[in-house]
Amino acid sequence: MLDFAFTFLERCGVWGLFGATAIEASSIPFPGALFVLLYGYIMQVSAWQLVLIGFANSFIFSAFTLIPYAIGYQLENFSSKKMDSPKVKKAQEWFRKYGEWSITLSRPLSVGNYVSYIAGLSKIRPVRFFFFTLLGSFPWNTVLLFIGRSSSIDGIQNFIKTLGTFGSFILGLCVVAAVVWYFIWRYRKKQQSEEKNTKSGI
């Protein structure tokens, strides 16, 4: 993938970077960060140009994250029918109230695309979703470009490995937290059911 990305960016330049970013943002498994790092390494441009490219790339990323967002938005009707509607609405209200910043904070992590689906499912307004996505992706894109600019190929490979390990750790942590939450929810539900049965027996 490294050789392909290197050759692709040399031939296509900034349009290759934008294309790679659009693919990743669409929620297709793709190493978008690698392309951003390599672009910073290949194109030795001024710092201001890197910032502008970082903003343009972030804008494209934010625009294409509307694809998984739209899928999540459409899934809301399905989830309401298949799941407990009041609980779905409660989760949606919580995300609308407290979860918008998670859109921003999750962009550097591998869970960022999953948050796009959740945001759509929670019916966050598209403009707000776009804003919080841009707010998180712009600094991250710019940092990656500068890291690539000041690194070697070996340094970029090591950074990608570290990023992948960290992303896997965060994803695993989220899965564990979700499992723990599920068992706590089941336990509480069971307790409530037993208390209800006890009261009915009285």
Foldseek 3Di string as FASTA:
>chain_A
DLVVLLVQCVVPPLVSLLVQLLCVLLVHDGDSLLNLLSSLQPDVDDLVVLLVSLLVSLLSSLVSVVNLLQVLLVCLVVCCVVDPNVVLLVVLVCCLVPVLLVLQVCQLAPCNSVVSSVNSNSVDDSVSSSVSSSNRRSVVSSVSSVNSNPDDPVSSVVVVVVRVVVNVVVVVVVVVVVVVVVVVVVVVVVVVVVVVVVVVVD
